[in-house]
Amino acid sequence: NALVPKTMHNHGNYIISVGNLARWLAGRAEELGVEIFPGFAASE
């Protein structure tokens, strides 16, 4: 560890699914009044 760049140390961090984090954030956003439209692609 002494020879590893300290940016690579992960004490205090979590292993997560970012997809699941996004789903949770979407729930919080909707509680706050955000309108979310999945399945619609911004094309232009």
PDB file of all heavy atoms in Angstrom:
ATOM      1  N   ASN A   1       0.814  -1.213   0.000  1.00  0.00           N
ATOM      2  CA  ASN A   1       0.000   0.000   0.000  1.00  0.00           C
ATOM      3  C   ASN A   1       0.847   1.262   0.000  1.00  0.00           C
ATOM      4  O   ASN A   1       0.450   2.289  -0.540  1.00  0.00           O
ATOM      5  CB  ASN A   1      -0.944   0.008   1.203  1.00  0.00           C
ATOM      6  CG  ASN A   1      -2.196  -0.830   0.953  1.00  0.00           C
ATOM      7  OD1 ASN A   1      -2.540  -1.104  -0.197  1.00  0.00           O
ATOM      8  ND2 ASN A   1      -2.855  -1.244   2.013  1.00  0.00           N
ATOM      9  N   ALA A   2       2.029   1.177   0.606  1.00  0.00           N
ATOM     10  CA  ALA A   2       2.894   2.354   0.690  1.00  0.00           C
ATOM     11  C   ALA A   2       3.366   2.819  -0.678  1.00  0.00           C
ATOM     12  O   ALA A   2       3.756   3.975  -0.846  1.00  0.00           O
ATOM     13  CB  ALA A   2       4.094   2.060   1.581  1.00  0.00           C
ATOM     14  N   LEU A   3       3.338   1.917  -1.667  1.00  0.00           N
ATOM     15  CA  LEU A   3       3.798   2.258  -3.011  1.00  0.00           C
ATOM     16  C   LEU A   3       2.655   2.501  -3.992  1.00  0.00           C
ATOM     17  O   LEU A   3       2.881   2.645  -5.183  1.00  0.00           O
ATOM     18  CB  LEU A   3       4.706   1.143  -3.549  1.00  0.00           C
ATOM     19  CG  LEU A   3       6.007   0.907  -2.776  1.00  0.00           C
ATOM     20  CD1 LEU A   3       6.817  -0.207  -3.422  1.00  0.00           C
ATOM     21  CD2 LEU A   3       6.831   2.184  -2.679  1.00  0.00           C
ATOM     22  N   VAL A   4       1.440   2.556  -3.474  1.00  0.00           N
ATOM     23  CA  VAL A   4       0.255   2.753  -4.311  1.00  0.00           C
ATOM     24  C   VAL A   4      -0.155   4.224  -4.252  1.00  0.00           C
ATOM     25  O   VAL A   4      -0.178   4.813  -3.162  1.00  0.00           O
ATOM     26  CB  VAL A   4      -0.902   1.864  -3.820  1.00  0.00           C
ATOM     27  CG1 VAL A   4      -2.205   2.204  -4.547  1.00  0.00           C
ATOM     28  CG2 VAL A   4      -0.548   0.395  -4.018  1.00  0.00           C
ATOM     29  N   PRO A   5      -0.455   4.864  -5.392  1.00  0.00           N
ATOM     30  CA  PRO A   5      -0.974   6.238  -5.337  1.00  0.00           C
ATOM     31  C   PRO A   5      -2.166   6.308  -4.397  1.00  0.00           C
ATOM     32  O   PRO A   5      -3.076   5.472  -4.453  1.00  0.00           O
ATOM     33  CB  PRO A   5      -1.379   6.528  -6.788  1.00  0.00           C
ATOM     34  CG  PRO A   5      -0.485   5.651  -7.607  1.00  0.00           C
ATOM     35  CD  PRO A   5      -0.316   4.398  -6.792  1.00  0.00           C
ATOM     36  N   LYS A   6      -2.155   7.291  -3.515  1.00  0.00           N
ATOM     37  CA  LYS A   6      -3.178   7.331  -2.460  1.00  0.00           C
ATOM     38  C   LYS A   6      -4.588   7.501  -3.013  1.00  0.00           C
ATOM     39  O   LYS A   6      -5.569   7.217  -2.321  1.00  0.00           O
ATOM     40  CB  LYS A   6      -2.867   8.415  -1.446  1.00  0.00           C
ATOM     41  CG  LYS A   6      -2.842   9.829  -1.989  1.00  0.00           C
ATOM     42  CD  LYS A   6      -2.462  10.808  -0.888  1.00  0.00           C
ATOM     43  CE  LYS A   6      -2.440  12.248  -1.387  1.00  0.00           C
ATOM     44  NZ  LYS A   6      -2.045  13.185  -0.303  1.00  0.00           N
ATOM     45  N   THR A   7      -4.696   7.961  -4.267  1.00  0.00           N
ATOM     46  CA  THR A   7      -6.021   8.077  -4.880  1.00  0.00           C
ATOM     47  C   THR A   7      -6.678   6.717  -5.078  1.00  0.00           C
ATOM     48  O   THR A   7      -7.888   6.643  -5.297  1.00  0.00           O
ATOM     49  CB  THR A   7      -5.926   8.781  -6.239  1.00  0.00           C
ATOM     50  OG1 THR A   7      -4.983   8.088  -7.063  1.00  0.00           O
ATOM     51  CG2 THR A   7      -5.490  10.229  -6.077  1.00  0.00           C
ATOM     52  N   MET A   8      -5.872   5.658  -5.028  1.00  0.00           N
ATOM     53  CA  MET A   8      -6.411   4.312  -5.243  1.00  0.00           C
ATOM     54  C   MET A   8      -6.858   3.653  -3.946  1.00  0.00           C
ATOM     55  O   MET A   8      -7.334   2.518  -3.956  1.00  0.00           O
ATOM     56  CB  MET A   8      -5.362   3.439  -5.923  1.00  0.00           C
ATOM     57  CG  MET A   8      -4.903   3.937  -7.280  1.00  0.00           C
ATOM     58  SD  MET A   8      -6.198   3.850  -8.521  1.00  0.00           S
ATOM     59  CE  MET A   8      -6.358   2.077  -8.711  1.00  0.00           C
ATOM     60  N   HIS A   9      -6.681   4.318  -2.818  1.00  0.00           N
ATOM     61  CA  HIS A   9      -7.119   3.762  -1.536  1.00  0.00           C
ATOM     62  C   HIS A   9      -8.609   4.026  -1.359  1.00  0.00           C
ATOM     63  O   HIS A   9      -9.097   5.113  -1.672  1.00  0.00           O
ATOM     64  CB  HIS A   9      -6.329   4.383  -0.388  1.00  0.00           C
ATOM     65  CG  HIS A   9      -4.865   4.071  -0.443  1.00  0.00           C
ATOM     66  ND1 HIS A   9      -3.927   4.723   0.331  1.00  0.00           N
ATOM     67  CD2 HIS A   9      -4.165   3.177  -1.173  1.00  0.00           C
ATOM     68  CE1 HIS A   9      -2.721   4.252   0.076  1.00  0.00           C
ATOM     69  NE2 HIS A   9      -2.845   3.308  -0.838  1.00  0.00           N
ATOM     70  N   ASN A  10      -9.351   3.062  -0.832  1.00  0.00           N
ATOM     71  CA  ASN A  10     -10.822   3.139  -0.835  1.00  0.00           C
ATOM     72  C   ASN A  10     -11.460   3.040   0.539  1.00  0.00           C
ATOM     73  O   ASN A  10     -12.637   2.694   0.654  1.00  0.00           O
ATOM     74  CB  ASN A  10     -11.375   2.030  -1.744  1.00  0.00           C
ATOM     75  CG  ASN A  10     -11.157   2.338  -3.209  1.00  0.00           C
ATOM     76  OD1 ASN A  10     -11.742   3.267  -3.754  1.00  0.00           O
ATOM     77  ND2 ASN A  10     -10.271   1.587  -3.846  1.00  0.00           N
ATOM     78  N   HIS A  11     -10.692   3.342   1.583  1.00  0.00           N
ATOM     79  CA  HIS A  11     -11.272   3.340   2.928  1.00  0.00           C
ATOM     80  C   HIS A  11     -12.429   4.343   3.002  1.00  0.00           C
ATOM     81  O   HIS A  11     -12.293   5.493   2.571  1.00  0.00           O
ATOM     82  CB  HIS A  11     -10.211   3.708   3.969  1.00  0.00           C
ATOM     83  CG  HIS A  11     -10.750   3.798   5.368  1.00  0.00           C
ATOM     84  ND1 HIS A  11     -11.081   2.665   6.100  1.00  0.00           N
ATOM     85  CD2 HIS A  11     -11.029   4.867   6.152  1.00  0.00           C
ATOM     86  CE1 HIS A  11     -11.528   3.048   7.282  1.00  0.00           C
ATOM     87  NE2 HIS A  11     -11.511   4.373   7.345  1.00  0.00           N
ATOM     88  N   GLY A  12     -13.566   3.907   3.503  1.00  0.00           N
ATOM     89  CA  GLY A  12     -14.739   4.770   3.624  1.00  0.00           C
ATOM     90  C   GLY A  12     -15.644   4.767   2.419  1.00  0.00           C
ATOM     91  O   GLY A  12     -16.706   5.406   2.443  1.00  0.00           O
ATOM     92  N   ASN A  13     -15.251   4.056   1.358  1.00  0.00           N
ATOM     93  CA  ASN A  13     -16.072   3.988   0.149  1.00  0.00           C
ATOM     94  C   ASN A  13     -16.958   2.740   0.147  1.00  0.00           C
ATOM     95  O   ASN A  13     -16.819   1.860   1.006  1.00  0.00           O
ATOM     96  CB  ASN A  13     -15.178   4.002  -1.097  1.00  0.00           C
ATOM     97  CG  ASN A  13     -14.404   5.302  -1.229  1.00  0.00           C
ATOM     98  OD1 ASN A  13     -14.834   6.339  -0.740  1.00  0.00           O
ATOM     99  ND2 ASN A  13     -13.258   5.242  -1.893  1.00  0.00           N
ATOM    100  N   TYR A  14     -17.840   2.663  -0.848  1.00  0.00           N
ATOM    101  CA  TYR A  14     -18.787   1.558  -0.956  1.00  0.00           C
ATOM    102  C   TYR A  14     -18.728   0.930  -2.347  1.00  0.00           C
ATOM    103  O   TYR A  14     -18.534   1.637  -3.351  1.00  0.00           O
ATOM    104  CB  TYR A  14     -20.221   2.047  -0.716  1.00  0.00           C
ATOM    105  CG  TYR A  14     -20.525   2.427   0.713  1.00  0.00           C
ATOM    106  CD1 TYR A  14     -20.107   3.651   1.220  1.00  0.00           C
ATOM    107  CD2 TYR A  14     -21.219   1.564   1.559  1.00  0.00           C
ATOM    108  CE1 TYR A  14     -20.383   4.019   2.530  1.00  0.00           C
ATOM    109  CE2 TYR A  14     -21.500   1.911   2.874  1.00  0.00           C
ATOM    110  CZ  TYR A  14     -21.077   3.142   3.351  1.00  0.00           C
ATOM    111  OH  TYR A  14     -21.350   3.495   4.647  1.00  0.00           O
ATOM    112  N   ILE A  15     -18.902  -0.378  -2.412  1.00  0.00           N
ATOM    113  CA  ILE A  15     -19.093  -1.073  -3.687  1.00  0.00           C
ATOM    114  C   ILE A  15     -20.586  -1.032  -3.994  1.00  0.00           C
ATOM    115  O   ILE A  15     -21.403  -1.507  -3.199  1.00  0.00           O
ATOM    116  CB  ILE A  15     -18.606  -2.528  -3.605  1.00  0.00           C
ATOM    117  CG1 ILE A  15     -17.127  -2.589  -3.211  1.00  0.00           C
ATOM    118  CG2 ILE A  15     -18.819  -3.246  -4.936  1.00  0.00           C
ATOM    119  CD1 ILE A  15     -16.645  -3.992  -2.855  1.00  0.00           C
ATOM    120  N   ILE A  16     -20.947  -0.473  -5.153  1.00  0.00           N
ATOM    121  CA  ILE A  16     -22.363  -0.273  -5.438  1.00  0.00           C
ATOM    122  C   ILE A  16     -22.689  -0.623  -6.894  1.00  0.00           C
ATOM    123  O   ILE A  16     -21.801  -0.783  -7.731  1.00  0.00           O
ATOM    124  CB  ILE A  16     -22.798   1.189  -5.192  1.00  0.00           C
ATOM    125  CG1 ILE A  16     -22.181   2.136  -6.241  1.00  0.00           C
ATOM    126  CG2 ILE A  16     -22.447   1.650  -3.790  1.00  0.00           C
ATOM    127  CD1 ILE A  16     -22.836   3.502  -6.286  1.00  0.00           C
ATOM    128  N   SER A  17     -23.967  -0.708  -7.169  1.00  0.00           N
ATOM    129  CA  SER A  17     -24.501  -0.689  -8.530  1.00  0.00           C
ATOM    130  C   SER A  17     -24.947   0.741  -8.810  1.00  0.00           C
ATOM    131  O   SER A  17     -25.845   1.266  -8.134  1.00  0.00           O
ATOM    132  CB  SER A  17     -25.695  -1.638  -8.663  1.00  0.00           C
ATOM    133  OG  SER A  17     -26.516  -1.260  -9.754  1.00  0.00           O
ATOM    134  N   VAL A  18     -24.312   1.399  -9.780  1.00  0.00           N
ATOM    135  CA  VAL A  18     -24.693   2.775 -10.106  1.00  0.00           C
ATOM    136  C   VAL A  18     -26.095   2.812 -10.714  1.00  0.00           C
ATOM    137  O   VAL A  18     -26.835   3.780 -10.535  1.00  0.00           O
ATOM    138  CB  VAL A  18     -23.654   3.422 -11.038  1.00  0.00           C
ATOM    139  CG1 VAL A  18     -24.064   4.838 -11.409  1.00  0.00           C
ATOM    140  CG2 VAL A  18     -22.291   3.462 -10.355  1.00  0.00           C
ATOM    141  N   GLY A  19     -26.482   1.742 -11.422  1.00  0.00           N
ATOM    142  CA  GLY A  19     -27.841   1.670 -11.936  1.00  0.00           C
ATOM    143  C   GLY A  19     -28.861   1.722 -10.813  1.00  0.00           C
ATOM    144  O   GLY A  19     -29.877   2.423 -10.901  1.00  0.00           O
ATOM    145  N   ASN A  20     -28.594   0.985  -9.735  1.00  0.00           N
ATOM    146  CA  ASN A  20     -29.516   0.992  -8.597  1.00  0.00           C
ATOM    147  C   ASN A  20     -29.482   2.327  -7.860  1.00  0.00           C
ATOM    148  O   ASN A  20     -30.505   2.781  -7.330  1.00  0.00           O
ATOM    149  CB  ASN A  20     -29.179  -0.152  -7.649  1.00  0.00           C
ATOM    150  CG  ASN A  20     -29.560  -1.504  -8.227  1.00  0.00           C
ATOM    151  OD1 ASN A  20     -30.377  -1.582  -9.149  1.00  0.00           O
ATOM    152  ND2 ASN A  20     -28.973  -2.571  -7.723  1.00  0.00           N
ATOM    153  N   LEU A  21     -28.299   2.964  -7.815  1.00  0.00           N
ATOM    154  CA  LEU A  21     -28.223   4.304  -7.223  1.00  0.00           C
ATOM    155  C   LEU A  21     -29.084   5.273  -8.028  1.00  0.00           C
ATOM    156  O   LEU A  21     -29.805   6.108  -7.456  1.00  0.00           O
ATOM    157  CB  LEU A  21     -26.773   4.778  -7.182  1.00  0.00           C
ATOM    158  CG  LEU A  21     -26.565   6.212  -6.684  1.00  0.00           C
ATOM    159  CD1 LEU A  21     -26.996   6.358  -5.237  1.00  0.00           C
ATOM    160  CD2 LEU A  21     -25.112   6.647  -6.862  1.00  0.00           C
ATOM    161  N   ALA A  22     -29.027   5.170  -9.363  1.00  0.00           N
ATOM    162  CA  ALA A  22     -29.838   6.048 -10.206  1.00  0.00           C
ATOM    163  C   ALA A  22     -31.328   5.818  -9.958  1.00  0.00           C
ATOM    164  O   ALA A  22     -32.119   6.776  -9.916  1.00  0.00           O
ATOM    165  CB  ALA A  22     -29.503   5.829 -11.678  1.00  0.00           C
ATOM    166  N   ARG A  23     -31.718   4.563  -9.791  1.00  0.00           N
ATOM    167  CA  ARG A  23     -33.135   4.277  -9.530  1.00  0.00           C
ATOM    168  C   ARG A  23     -33.578   4.909  -8.210  1.00  0.00           C
ATOM    169  O   ARG A  23     -34.682   5.446  -8.104  1.00  0.00           O
ATOM    170  CB  ARG A  23     -33.361   2.765  -9.534  1.00  0.00           C
ATOM    171  CG  ARG A  23     -33.158   2.121 -10.901  1.00  0.00           C
ATOM    172  CD  ARG A  23     -33.355   0.603 -10.859  1.00  0.00           C
ATOM    173  NE  ARG A  23     -33.206   0.024 -12.187  1.00  0.00           N
ATOM    174  CZ  ARG A  23     -32.094  -0.559 -12.648  1.00  0.00           C
ATOM    175  NH1 ARG A  23     -31.032  -0.654 -11.866  1.00  0.00           N
ATOM    176  NH2 ARG A  23     -32.037  -1.042 -13.872  1.00  0.00           N
ATOM    177  N   TRP A  24     -32.706   4.845  -7.210  1.00  0.00           N
ATOM    178  CA  TRP A  24     -33.034   5.456  -5.924  1.00  0.00           C
ATOM    179  C   TRP A  24     -33.110   6.977  -6.048  1.00  0.00           C
ATOM    180  O   TRP A  24     -34.027   7.615  -5.529  1.00  0.00           O
ATOM    181  CB  TRP A  24     -31.975   5.048  -4.888  1.00  0.00           C
ATOM    182  CG  TRP A  24     -32.222   5.589  -3.516  1.00  0.00           C
ATOM    183  CD1 TRP A  24     -33.077   5.098  -2.575  1.00  0.00           C
ATOM    184  CD2 TRP A  24     -31.601   6.750  -2.941  1.00  0.00           C
ATOM    185  NE1 TRP A  24     -33.031   5.865  -1.431  1.00  0.00           N
ATOM    186  CE2 TRP A  24     -32.135   6.886  -1.626  1.00  0.00           C
ATOM    187  CE3 TRP A  24     -30.665   7.662  -3.386  1.00  0.00           C
ATOM    188  CZ2 TRP A  24     -31.742   7.925  -0.778  1.00  0.00           C
ATOM    189  CZ3 TRP A  24     -30.272   8.699  -2.545  1.00  0.00           C
ATOM    190  CH2 TRP A  24     -30.806   8.812  -1.257  1.00  0.00           C
ATOM    191  N   LEU A  25     -32.153   7.575  -6.766  1.00  0.00           N
ATOM    192  CA  LEU A  25     -32.172   9.019  -6.968  1.00  0.00           C
ATOM    193  C   LEU A  25     -33.427   9.446  -7.727  1.00  0.00           C
ATOM    194  O   LEU A  25     -34.002  10.509  -7.451  1.00  0.00           O
ATOM    195  CB  LEU A  25     -30.927   9.456  -7.740  1.00  0.00           C
ATOM    196  CG  LEU A  25     -29.604   9.469  -6.981  1.00  0.00           C
ATOM    197  CD1 LEU A  25     -28.437   9.705  -7.936  1.00  0.00           C
ATOM    198  CD2 LEU A  25     -29.606  10.528  -5.881  1.00  0.00           C
ATOM    199  N   ALA A  26     -33.853   8.625  -8.692  1.00  0.00           N
ATOM    200  CA  ALA A  26     -35.063   8.947  -9.445  1.00  0.00           C
ATOM    201  C   ALA A  26     -36.279   8.987  -8.525  1.00  0.00           C
ATOM    202  O   ALA A  26     -37.148   9.856  -8.659  1.00  0.00           O
ATOM    203  CB  ALA A  26     -35.272   7.937 -10.568  1.00  0.00           C
ATOM    204  N   GLY A  27     -36.336   8.054  -7.581  1.00  0.00           N
ATOM    205  CA  GLY A  27     -37.433   8.060  -6.618  1.00  0.00           C
ATOM    206  C   GLY A  27     -37.440   9.316  -5.772  1.00  0.00           C
ATOM    207  O   GLY A  27     -38.496   9.928  -5.536  1.00  0.00           O
ATOM    208  N   ARG A  28     -36.257   9.739  -5.315  1.00  0.00           N
ATOM    209  CA  ARG A  28     -36.161  10.965  -4.522  1.00  0.00           C
ATOM    210  C   ARG A  28     -36.547  12.188  -5.364  1.00  0.00           C
ATOM    211  O   ARG A  28     -37.206  13.110  -4.879  1.00  0.00           O
ATOM    212  CB  ARG A  28     -34.748  11.134  -3.965  1.00  0.00           C
ATOM    213  CG  ARG A  28     -34.284  10.051  -2.994  1.00  0.00           C
ATOM    214  CD  ARG A  28     -35.128   9.951  -1.731  1.00  0.00           C
ATOM    215  NE  ARG A  28     -35.142  11.143  -0.924  1.00  0.00           N
ATOM    216  CZ  ARG A  28     -34.386  11.337   0.179  1.00  0.00           C
ATOM    217  NH1 ARG A  28     -33.537  10.392   0.572  1.00  0.00           N
ATOM    218  NH2 ARG A  28     -34.489  12.452   0.887  1.00  0.00           N
ATOM    219  N   ALA A  29     -36.127  12.171  -6.636  1.00  0.00           N
ATOM    220  CA  ALA A  29     -36.452  13.288  -7.520  1.00  0.00           C
ATOM    221  C   ALA A  29     -37.963  13.405  -7.722  1.00  0.00           C
ATOM    222  O   ALA A  29     -38.529  14.512  -7.679  1.00  0.00           O
ATOM    223  CB  ALA A  29     -35.750  13.114  -8.862  1.00  0.00           C
ATOM    224  N   GLU A  30     -38.633  12.286  -7.938  1.00  0.00           N
ATOM    225  CA  GLU A  30     -40.080  12.314  -8.143  1.00  0.00           C
ATOM    226  C   GLU A  30     -40.802  12.764  -6.876  1.00  0.00           C
ATOM    227  O   GLU A  30     -41.809  13.476  -6.951  1.00  0.00           O
ATOM    228  CB  GLU A  30     -40.561  10.945  -8.600  1.00  0.00           C
ATOM    229  CG  GLU A  30     -40.129  10.622 -10.033  1.00  0.00           C
ATOM    230  CD  GLU A  30     -40.547   9.244 -10.494  1.00  0.00           C
ATOM    231  OE1 GLU A  30     -40.556   8.308  -9.662  1.00  0.00           O
ATOM    232  OE2 GLU A  30     -40.855   9.094 -11.690  1.00  0.00           O
ATOM    233  N   GLU A  31     -40.285  12.372  -5.712  1.00  0.00           N
ATOM    234  CA  GLU A  31     -40.874  12.849  -4.455  1.00  0.00           C
ATOM    235  C   GLU A  31     -40.803  14.369  -4.353  1.00  0.00           C
ATOM    236  O   GLU A  31     -41.687  15.009  -3.773  1.00  0.00           O
ATOM    237  CB  GLU A  31     -40.141  12.228  -3.265  1.00  0.00           C
ATOM    238  CG  GLU A  31     -40.386  10.740  -3.081  1.00  0.00           C
ATOM    239  CD  GLU A  31     -39.463  10.137  -2.016  1.00  0.00           C
ATOM    240  OE1 GLU A  31     -38.710  10.914  -1.372  1.00  0.00           O
ATOM    241  OE2 GLU A  31     -39.485   8.907  -1.838  1.00  0.00           O
ATOM    242  N   LEU A  32     -39.752  14.937  -4.935  1.00  0.00           N
ATOM    243  CA  LEU A  32     -39.561  16.387  -4.894  1.00  0.00           C
ATOM    244  C   LEU A  32     -40.346  17.112  -5.992  1.00  0.00           C
ATOM    245  O   LEU A  32     -40.381  18.343  -6.013  1.00  0.00           O
ATOM    246  CB  LEU A  32     -38.073  16.710  -5.035  1.00  0.00           C
ATOM    247  CG  LEU A  32     -37.203  16.382  -3.820  1.00  0.00           C
ATOM    248  CD1 LEU A  32     -35.726  16.356  -4.202  1.00  0.00           C
ATOM    249  CD2 LEU A  32     -37.453  17.402  -2.693  1.00  0.00           C
ATOM    250  N   GLY A  33     -40.939  16.353  -6.935  1.00  0.00           N
ATOM    251  CA  GLY A  33     -41.763  16.967  -7.970  1.00  0.00           C
ATOM    252  C   GLY A  33     -41.180  16.975  -9.361  1.00  0.00           C
ATOM    253  O   GLY A  33     -41.725  17.630 -10.259  1.00  0.00           O
ATOM    254  N   VAL A  34     -40.095  16.256  -9.587  1.00  0.00           N
ATOM    255  CA  VAL A  34     -39.507  16.174 -10.921  1.00  0.00           C
ATOM    256  C   VAL A  34     -40.336  15.218 -11.785  1.00  0.00           C
ATOM    257  O   VAL A  34     -40.761  14.159 -11.324  1.00  0.00           O
ATOM    258  CB  VAL A  34     -38.047  15.669 -10.840  1.00  0.00           C
ATOM    259  CG1 VAL A  34     -37.451  15.489 -12.231  1.00  0.00           C
ATOM    260  CG2 VAL A  34     -37.197  16.622 -10.014  1.00  0.00           C
ATOM    261  N   GLU A  35     -40.538  15.583 -13.032  1.00  0.00           N
ATOM    262  CA  GLU A  35     -41.182  14.678 -13.989  1.00  0.00           C
ATOM    263  C   GLU A  35     -40.090  13.911 -14.743  1.00  0.00           C
ATOM    264  O   GLU A  35     -39.195  14.537 -15.333  1.00  0.00           O
ATOM    265  CB  GLU A  35     -42.050  15.455 -14.973  1.00  0.00           C
ATOM    266  CG  GLU A  35     -43.251  16.122 -14.331  1.00  0.00           C
ATOM    267  CD  GLU A  35     -44.195  16.712 -15.359  1.00  0.00           C
ATOM    268  OE1 GLU A  35     -44.662  15.943 -16.236  1.00  0.00           O
ATOM    269  OE2 GLU A  35     -44.466  17.927 -15.303  1.00  0.00           O
ATOM    270  N   ILE A  36     -40.157  12.590 -14.731  1.00  0.00           N
ATOM    271  CA  ILE A  36     -39.164  11.749 -15.397  1.00  0.00           C
ATOM    272  C   ILE A  36     -39.867  10.943 -16.480  1.00  0.00           C
ATOM    273  O   ILE A  36     -40.861  10.261 -16.218  1.00  0.00           O
ATOM    274  CB  ILE A  36     -38.452  10.815 -14.395  1.00  0.00           C
ATOM    275  CG1 ILE A  36     -37.764  11.645 -13.308  1.00  0.00           C
ATOM    276  CG2 ILE A  36     -37.431   9.927 -15.119  1.00  0.00           C
ATOM    277  CD1 ILE A  36     -37.077  10.813 -12.231  1.00  0.00           C
ATOM    278  N   PHE A  37     -39.327  11.022 -17.704  1.00  0.00           N
ATOM    279  CA  PHE A  37     -39.902  10.317 -18.851  1.00  0.00           C
ATOM    280  C   PHE A  37     -38.905   9.284 -19.361  1.00  0.00           C
ATOM    281  O   PHE A  37     -38.080   9.582 -20.229  1.00  0.00           O
ATOM    282  CB  PHE A  37     -40.237  11.291 -19.980  1.00  0.00           C
ATOM    283  CG  PHE A  37     -41.217  12.368 -19.624  1.00  0.00           C
ATOM    284  CD1 PHE A  37     -41.156  13.608 -20.240  1.00  0.00           C
ATOM    285  CD2 PHE A  37     -42.214  12.159 -18.677  1.00  0.00           C
ATOM    286  CE1 PHE A  37     -42.061  14.610 -19.930  1.00  0.00           C
ATOM    287  CE2 PHE A  37     -43.129  13.152 -18.354  1.00  0.00           C
ATOM    288  CZ  PHE A  37     -43.055  14.384 -18.985  1.00  0.00           C
ATOM    289  N   PRO A  38     -38.950   8.033 -18.857  1.00  0.00           N
ATOM    290  CA  PRO A  38     -38.077   6.995 -19.415  1.00  0.00           C
ATOM    291  C   PRO A  38     -38.645   6.450 -20.715  1.00  0.00           C
ATOM    292  O   PRO A  38     -39.857   6.530 -20.964  1.00  0.00           O
ATOM    293  CB  PRO A  38     -38.077   5.923 -18.316  1.00  0.00           C
ATOM    294  CG  PRO A  38     -39.392   6.086 -17.621  1.00  0.00           C
ATOM    295  CD  PRO A  38     -39.735   7.549 -17.710  1.00  0.00           C
ATOM    296  N   GLY A  39     -37.752   5.910 -21.554  1.00  0.00           N
ATOM    297  CA  GLY A  39     -38.177   5.326 -22.817  1.00  0.00           C
ATOM    298  C   GLY A  39     -38.337   6.325 -23.935  1.00  0.00           C
ATOM    299  O   GLY A  39     -38.864   5.996 -24.996  1.00  0.00           O
ATOM    300  N   PHE A  40     -37.877   7.558 -23.716  1.00  0.00           N
ATOM    301  CA  PHE A  40     -37.965   8.598 -24.746  1.00  0.00           C
ATOM    302  C   PHE A  40     -36.574   9.157 -25.010  1.00  0.00           C
ATOM    303  O   PHE A  40     -35.921   9.669 -24.094  1.00  0.00           O
ATOM    304  CB  PHE A  40     -38.913   9.720 -24.309  1.00  0.00           C
ATOM    305  CG  PHE A  40     -40.351   9.286 -24.222  1.00  0.00           C
ATOM    306  CD1 PHE A  40     -40.883   8.845 -23.017  1.00  0.00           C
ATOM    307  CD2 PHE A  40     -41.160   9.285 -25.342  1.00  0.00           C
ATOM    308  CE1 PHE A  40     -42.196   8.437 -22.925  1.00  0.00           C
ATOM    309  CE2 PHE A  40     -42.478   8.877 -25.270  1.00  0.00           C
ATOM    310  CZ  PHE A  40     -43.000   8.437 -24.057  1.00  0.00           C
ATOM    311  N   ALA A  41     -36.132   9.043 -26.249  1.00  0.00           N
ATOM    312  CA  ALA A  41     -34.777   9.455 -26.612  1.00  0.00           C
ATOM    313  C   ALA A  41     -34.768  10.888 -27.125  1.00  0.00           C
ATOM    314  O   ALA A  41     -35.546  11.245 -28.013  1.00  0.00           O
ATOM    315  CB  ALA A  41     -34.214   8.520 -27.681  1.00  0.00           C
ATOM    316  N   ALA A  42     -33.873  11.697 -26.567  1.00  0.00           N
ATOM    317  CA  ALA A  42     -33.656  13.042 -27.095  1.00  0.00           C
ATOM    318  C   ALA A  42     -32.846  12.913 -28.375  1.00  0.00           C
ATOM    319  O   ALA A  42     -31.673  12.569 -28.350  1.00  0.00           O
ATOM    320  CB  ALA A  42     -32.912  13.888 -26.068  1.00  0.00           C
ATOM    321  N   SER A  43     -33.485  13.182 -29.517  1.00  0.00           N
ATOM    322  CA  SER A  43     -32.846  12.882 -30.794  1.00  0.00           C
ATOM    323  C   SER A  43     -32.226  14.090 -31.470  1.00  0.00           C
ATOM    324  O   SER A  43     -31.273  13.951 -32.238  1.00  0.00           O
ATOM    325  CB  SER A  43     -33.861  12.241 -31.749  1.00  0.00           C
ATOM    326  OG  SER A  43     -34.894  13.155 -32.067  1.00  0.00           O
ATOM    327  N   GLU A  44     -32.778  15.295 -31.221  1.00  0.00           N
ATOM    328  CA  GLU A  44     -32.278  16.475 -31.915  1.00  0.00           C
ATOM    329  C   GLU A  44     -32.281  17.677 -30.985  1.00  0.00           C
ATOM    330  O   GLU A  44     -33.087  17.756 -30.050  1.00  0.00           O
ATOM    331  CB  GLU A  44     -33.143  16.809 -33.146  1.00  0.00           C
ATOM    332  CG  GLU A  44     -33.106  15.767 -34.242  1.00  0.00           C
ATOM    333  CD  GLU A  44     -33.979  16.162 -35.430  1.00  0.00           C
ATOM    334  OE1 GLU A  44     -34.162  17.392 -35.640  1.00  0.00           O
ATOM    335  OE2 GLU A  44     -34.483  15.247 -36.107  1.00  0.00           O
TER     336      GLU A  44
END
